[in-house]
């Protein structure tokens, strides 16, 4: 079965407030949804097009598991912190 991924492309507008999002989402995604962070920030360089400043790739056992993690009401409550303190694009993708 193909794995699923949540891919985030984010520009943080309030770094101090954004820390609460990172601290809140990690136990939900890792503990409840078997998430594995493959990319979480770090250096990057846009080679073509435009992108936000921060990149996150989270792996899940399946596409359905990634959707369930994103739709988890507890995650959505924490995601409100991200929405208030960052500009972001979040995509759920099925792997090959």
N, C-alpha and C. Protein backbone atom coordinates (compact mmCIF):
# COMPACT_ATOMS: atom_id res chain seq x y z
N UNK A 1 0.84 -1.18 0.00
CA UNK A 1 0.00 0.00 0.00
C UNK A 1 0.88 1.24 0.00
N UNK A 2 0.59 2.21 -0.87
CA UNK A 2 1.38 3.44 -0.91
C UNK A 2 1.24 4.23 0.39
N UNK A 3 2.30 4.90 0.76
CA UNK A 3 2.27 5.75 1.94
C UNK A 3 1.58 7.06 1.61
N UNK A 4 1.21 7.79 2.64
CA UNK A 4 0.61 9.11 2.48
C UNK A 4 1.51 10.15 3.11
N UNK A 5 1.38 11.36 2.65
CA UNK A 5 2.23 12.45 3.12
C UNK A 5 1.41 13.72 3.31
N UNK A 6 1.73 14.45 4.34
CA UNK A 6 1.26 15.83 4.46
C UNK A 6 2.48 16.68 4.16
N UNK A 7 2.34 17.59 3.20
CA UNK A 7 3.41 18.48 2.81
C UNK A 7 2.97 19.90 3.12
N UNK A 8 3.77 20.59 3.89
CA UNK A 8 3.47 21.97 4.25
C UNK A 8 4.54 22.90 3.72
N UNK A 9 4.10 24.01 3.21
CA UNK A 9 4.96 25.07 2.70
C UNK A 9 4.52 26.32 3.46
N UNK A 10 5.39 26.83 4.35
CA UNK A 10 4.96 27.78 5.37
C UNK A 10 5.91 28.97 5.48
N UNK A 11 5.34 30.14 5.67
CA UNK A 11 6.10 31.32 6.08
C UNK A 11 5.53 31.75 7.42
N UNK A 12 6.33 31.64 8.45
CA UNK A 12 5.90 31.98 9.81
C UNK A 12 5.93 33.50 9.97
N UNK A 13 4.82 34.06 10.46
CA UNK A 13 4.74 35.50 10.67
C UNK A 13 4.96 35.89 12.13
N UNK A 14 4.75 34.95 13.06
CA UNK A 14 5.00 35.21 14.49
C UNK A 14 5.68 33.97 15.07
N UNK A 15 7.02 33.95 15.05
CA UNK A 15 7.77 32.76 15.49
C UNK A 15 7.48 32.33 16.92
N UNK A 16 7.31 33.27 17.83
CA UNK A 16 7.05 32.90 19.23
C UNK A 16 5.71 32.19 19.36
N UNK A 17 4.68 32.73 18.76
CA UNK A 17 3.35 32.11 18.83
C UNK A 17 3.31 30.79 18.07
N UNK A 18 4.07 30.68 16.98
CA UNK A 18 4.08 29.47 16.15
C UNK A 18 4.63 28.26 16.91
N UNK A 19 5.50 28.52 17.90
CA UNK A 19 6.06 27.41 18.69
C UNK A 19 4.97 26.57 19.34
N UNK A 20 3.87 27.18 19.73
CA UNK A 20 2.76 26.44 20.34
C UNK A 20 2.14 25.47 19.34
N UNK A 21 2.14 25.82 18.06
CA UNK A 21 1.63 24.91 17.02
C UNK A 21 2.53 23.69 16.90
N UNK A 22 3.83 23.91 16.83
CA UNK A 22 4.78 22.79 16.70
C UNK A 22 4.67 21.87 17.92
N UNK A 23 4.65 22.47 19.11
CA UNK A 23 4.55 21.68 20.34
C UNK A 23 3.22 20.93 20.43
N UNK A 24 2.16 21.51 19.90
CA UNK A 24 0.85 20.89 19.97
C UNK A 24 0.60 19.82 18.93
N UNK A 25 1.13 20.00 17.72
CA UNK A 25 0.82 19.04 16.66
C UNK A 25 1.65 17.77 16.75
N UNK A 26 2.86 17.87 17.27
CA UNK A 26 3.75 16.71 17.28
C UNK A 26 3.17 15.52 18.02
N UNK A 27 2.69 15.65 19.26
CA UNK A 27 2.15 14.46 19.93
C UNK A 27 0.89 13.91 19.27
N UNK A 28 0.11 14.78 18.66
CA UNK A 28 -1.11 14.31 17.98
C UNK A 28 -0.73 13.49 16.76
N UNK A 29 0.13 14.03 15.92
CA UNK A 29 0.47 13.35 14.66
C UNK A 29 1.34 12.12 14.90
N UNK A 30 2.38 12.25 15.73
CA UNK A 30 3.25 11.10 15.98
C UNK A 30 2.58 10.07 16.87
N UNK A 31 1.96 10.52 17.94
CA UNK A 31 1.41 9.59 18.92
C UNK A 31 0.14 8.91 18.48
N UNK A 32 -0.72 9.62 17.81
CA UNK A 32 -2.03 9.09 17.46
C UNK A 32 -2.11 8.58 16.01
N UNK A 33 -1.26 9.15 15.13
CA UNK A 33 -1.41 8.85 13.70
C UNK A 33 -0.15 8.25 13.06
N UNK A 34 0.79 7.83 13.87
CA UNK A 34 1.98 7.12 13.39
C UNK A 34 2.75 7.93 12.34
N UNK A 35 2.84 9.24 12.58
CA UNK A 35 3.54 10.13 11.65
C UNK A 35 5.05 10.03 11.84
N UNK A 36 5.75 10.25 10.74
CA UNK A 36 7.21 10.33 10.77
C UNK A 36 7.61 11.61 10.03
N UNK A 37 8.28 12.51 10.73
CA UNK A 37 8.72 13.76 10.09
C UNK A 37 9.96 13.46 9.25
N UNK A 38 9.85 13.69 7.94
CA UNK A 38 10.98 13.49 7.03
C UNK A 38 11.72 14.80 6.80
N UNK A 39 10.99 15.89 6.75
CA UNK A 39 11.57 17.23 6.58
C UNK A 39 10.80 18.13 7.53
N UNK A 40 11.54 18.92 8.29
CA UNK A 40 10.89 19.86 9.20
C UNK A 40 11.77 21.10 9.31
N UNK A 41 11.62 21.99 8.35
CA UNK A 41 12.45 23.19 8.32
C UNK A 41 13.80 22.88 7.69
N UNK A 42 14.81 23.57 8.14
CA UNK A 42 16.15 23.38 7.58
C UNK A 42 16.38 24.28 6.38
N UNK A 43 17.62 24.24 5.91
CA UNK A 43 17.99 25.07 4.75
C UNK A 43 17.23 24.63 3.52
N UNK A 44 16.87 25.59 2.68
CA UNK A 44 16.25 25.28 1.40
C UNK A 44 16.56 26.40 0.42
N UNK A 45 16.43 26.08 -0.84
CA UNK A 45 16.65 27.06 -1.89
C UNK A 45 15.62 26.80 -2.97
N UNK A 46 14.84 27.80 -3.30
CA UNK A 46 13.85 27.68 -4.36
C UNK A 46 14.60 27.76 -5.69
N UNK A 47 14.49 26.70 -6.48
CA UNK A 47 15.20 26.64 -7.75
C UNK A 47 14.32 27.14 -8.91
N UNK A 48 13.02 26.97 -8.79
CA UNK A 48 12.08 27.46 -9.81
C UNK A 48 10.80 27.86 -9.12
N UNK A 49 10.15 28.88 -9.61
CA UNK A 49 8.87 29.30 -9.07
C UNK A 49 9.01 30.03 -7.75
N UNK A 50 7.91 30.02 -6.98
CA UNK A 50 7.87 30.71 -5.70
C UNK A 50 7.44 29.73 -4.62
N UNK A 51 7.93 29.93 -3.42
CA UNK A 51 7.57 29.06 -2.30
C UNK A 51 7.65 29.87 -1.02
N UNK A 52 7.01 29.34 0.01
CA UNK A 52 7.16 29.92 1.34
C UNK A 52 8.54 29.56 1.88
N UNK A 53 8.86 30.03 3.08
CA UNK A 53 10.21 29.91 3.64
C UNK A 53 10.51 28.57 4.30
N UNK A 54 9.50 27.90 4.84
CA UNK A 54 9.70 26.68 5.63
C UNK A 54 8.97 25.54 4.95
N UNK A 55 9.58 24.35 5.00
CA UNK A 55 9.01 23.18 4.33
C UNK A 55 8.94 22.02 5.31
N UNK A 56 7.82 21.29 5.25
CA UNK A 56 7.61 20.16 6.14
C UNK A 56 7.04 19.01 5.31
N UNK A 57 7.61 17.81 5.49
CA UNK A 57 7.09 16.60 4.86
C UNK A 57 6.91 15.58 5.97
N UNK A 58 5.67 15.11 6.12
CA UNK A 58 5.34 14.15 7.16
C UNK A 58 4.80 12.89 6.50
N UNK A 59 5.38 11.75 6.85
CA UNK A 59 5.01 10.47 6.24
C UNK A 59 4.02 9.73 7.15
N UNK A 60 3.04 9.08 6.52
CA UNK A 60 2.04 8.27 7.21
C UNK A 60 1.96 6.90 6.55
N UNK A 61 1.41 5.92 7.24
CA UNK A 61 1.35 4.57 6.67
C UNK A 61 0.56 4.49 5.36
N UNK A 62 -0.40 5.40 5.16
CA UNK A 62 -1.22 5.39 3.94
C UNK A 62 -1.77 6.78 3.68
N UNK A 63 -2.32 6.96 2.49
CA UNK A 63 -2.98 8.22 2.14
C UNK A 63 -4.16 8.47 3.07
N UNK A 64 -4.92 7.41 3.34
CA UNK A 64 -6.08 7.51 4.22
C UNK A 64 -5.65 7.94 5.64
N UNK A 65 -4.52 7.41 6.10
CA UNK A 65 -4.00 7.79 7.42
C UNK A 65 -3.59 9.26 7.44
N UNK A 66 -3.01 9.75 6.36
CA UNK A 66 -2.63 11.17 6.29
C UNK A 66 -3.87 12.06 6.31
N UNK A 67 -4.91 11.67 5.57
CA UNK A 67 -6.16 12.43 5.59
C UNK A 67 -6.78 12.43 6.98
N UNK A 68 -6.80 11.27 7.62
CA UNK A 68 -7.38 11.16 8.96
C UNK A 68 -6.61 12.03 9.94
N UNK A 69 -5.30 12.08 9.82
CA UNK A 69 -4.49 12.92 10.71
C UNK A 69 -4.84 14.39 10.51
N UNK A 70 -4.91 14.82 9.26
CA UNK A 70 -5.24 16.22 8.99
C UNK A 70 -6.63 16.57 9.49
N UNK A 71 -7.56 15.65 9.34
CA UNK A 71 -8.96 15.91 9.72
C UNK A 71 -9.23 15.68 11.21
N UNK A 72 -8.27 15.15 11.95
CA UNK A 72 -8.44 14.91 13.38
C UNK A 72 -8.87 16.22 14.06
N UNK A 73 -9.97 16.21 14.80
CA UNK A 73 -10.43 17.45 15.44
C UNK A 73 -9.39 18.08 16.38
N UNK A 74 -8.61 17.27 17.06
CA UNK A 74 -7.57 17.83 17.93
C UNK A 74 -6.48 18.50 17.11
N UNK A 75 -6.11 17.91 15.97
CA UNK A 75 -5.13 18.55 15.10
C UNK A 75 -5.70 19.86 14.55
N UNK A 76 -6.96 19.83 14.13
CA UNK A 76 -7.56 21.03 13.57
C UNK A 76 -7.60 22.17 14.59
N UNK A 77 -7.81 21.83 15.85
CA UNK A 77 -7.79 22.86 16.90
C UNK A 77 -6.40 23.49 17.01
N UNK A 78 -5.35 22.66 16.96
CA UNK A 78 -3.98 23.17 17.01
C UNK A 78 -3.64 23.91 15.72
N UNK A 79 -4.17 23.46 14.59
CA UNK A 79 -3.89 24.11 13.30
C UNK A 79 -4.35 25.56 13.29
N UNK A 80 -5.32 25.90 14.11
CA UNK A 80 -5.76 27.29 14.19
C UNK A 80 -4.60 28.19 14.62
N UNK A 81 -3.70 27.67 15.45
CA UNK A 81 -2.53 28.46 15.85
C UNK A 81 -1.67 28.76 14.63
N UNK A 82 -1.44 27.74 13.79
CA UNK A 82 -0.66 27.95 12.55
C UNK A 82 -1.35 28.96 11.66
N UNK A 83 -2.64 28.83 11.51
CA UNK A 83 -3.37 29.72 10.60
C UNK A 83 -3.30 31.18 11.05
N UNK A 84 -3.22 31.41 12.36
CA UNK A 84 -3.12 32.78 12.88
C UNK A 84 -1.71 33.34 12.81
N UNK A 85 -0.71 32.46 12.74
CA UNK A 85 0.68 32.90 12.89
C UNK A 85 1.59 32.54 11.73
N UNK A 86 0.99 32.14 10.61
CA UNK A 86 1.79 31.78 9.43
C UNK A 86 0.91 31.81 8.18
N UNK A 87 1.53 32.02 7.06
CA UNK A 87 0.89 31.82 5.76
C UNK A 87 1.33 30.44 5.30
N UNK A 88 0.39 29.62 4.87
CA UNK A 88 0.80 28.25 4.53
C UNK A 88 -0.06 27.63 3.44
N UNK A 89 0.55 26.64 2.80
CA UNK A 89 -0.13 25.75 1.86
C UNK A 89 0.10 24.35 2.41
N UNK A 90 -0.97 23.60 2.60
CA UNK A 90 -0.88 22.24 3.13
C UNK A 90 -1.51 21.31 2.10
N UNK A 91 -0.80 20.26 1.76
CA UNK A 91 -1.27 19.30 0.75
C UNK A 91 -1.15 17.89 1.31
N UNK A 92 -2.16 17.06 1.07
CA UNK A 92 -2.08 15.64 1.41
C UNK A 92 -1.86 14.90 0.09
N UNK A 93 -0.82 14.05 0.07
CA UNK A 93 -0.40 13.40 -1.18
C UNK A 93 -0.24 11.90 -0.94
N UNK A 94 -0.64 11.10 -1.94
CA UNK A 94 -0.36 9.66 -1.91
C UNK A 94 0.99 9.42 -2.56
N UNK A 95 1.82 8.60 -1.90
CA UNK A 95 3.13 8.27 -2.44
C UNK A 95 3.03 7.18 -3.50
N UNK A 96 4.18 6.84 -4.06
CA UNK A 96 4.19 5.79 -5.06
C UNK A 96 4.85 4.54 -4.52
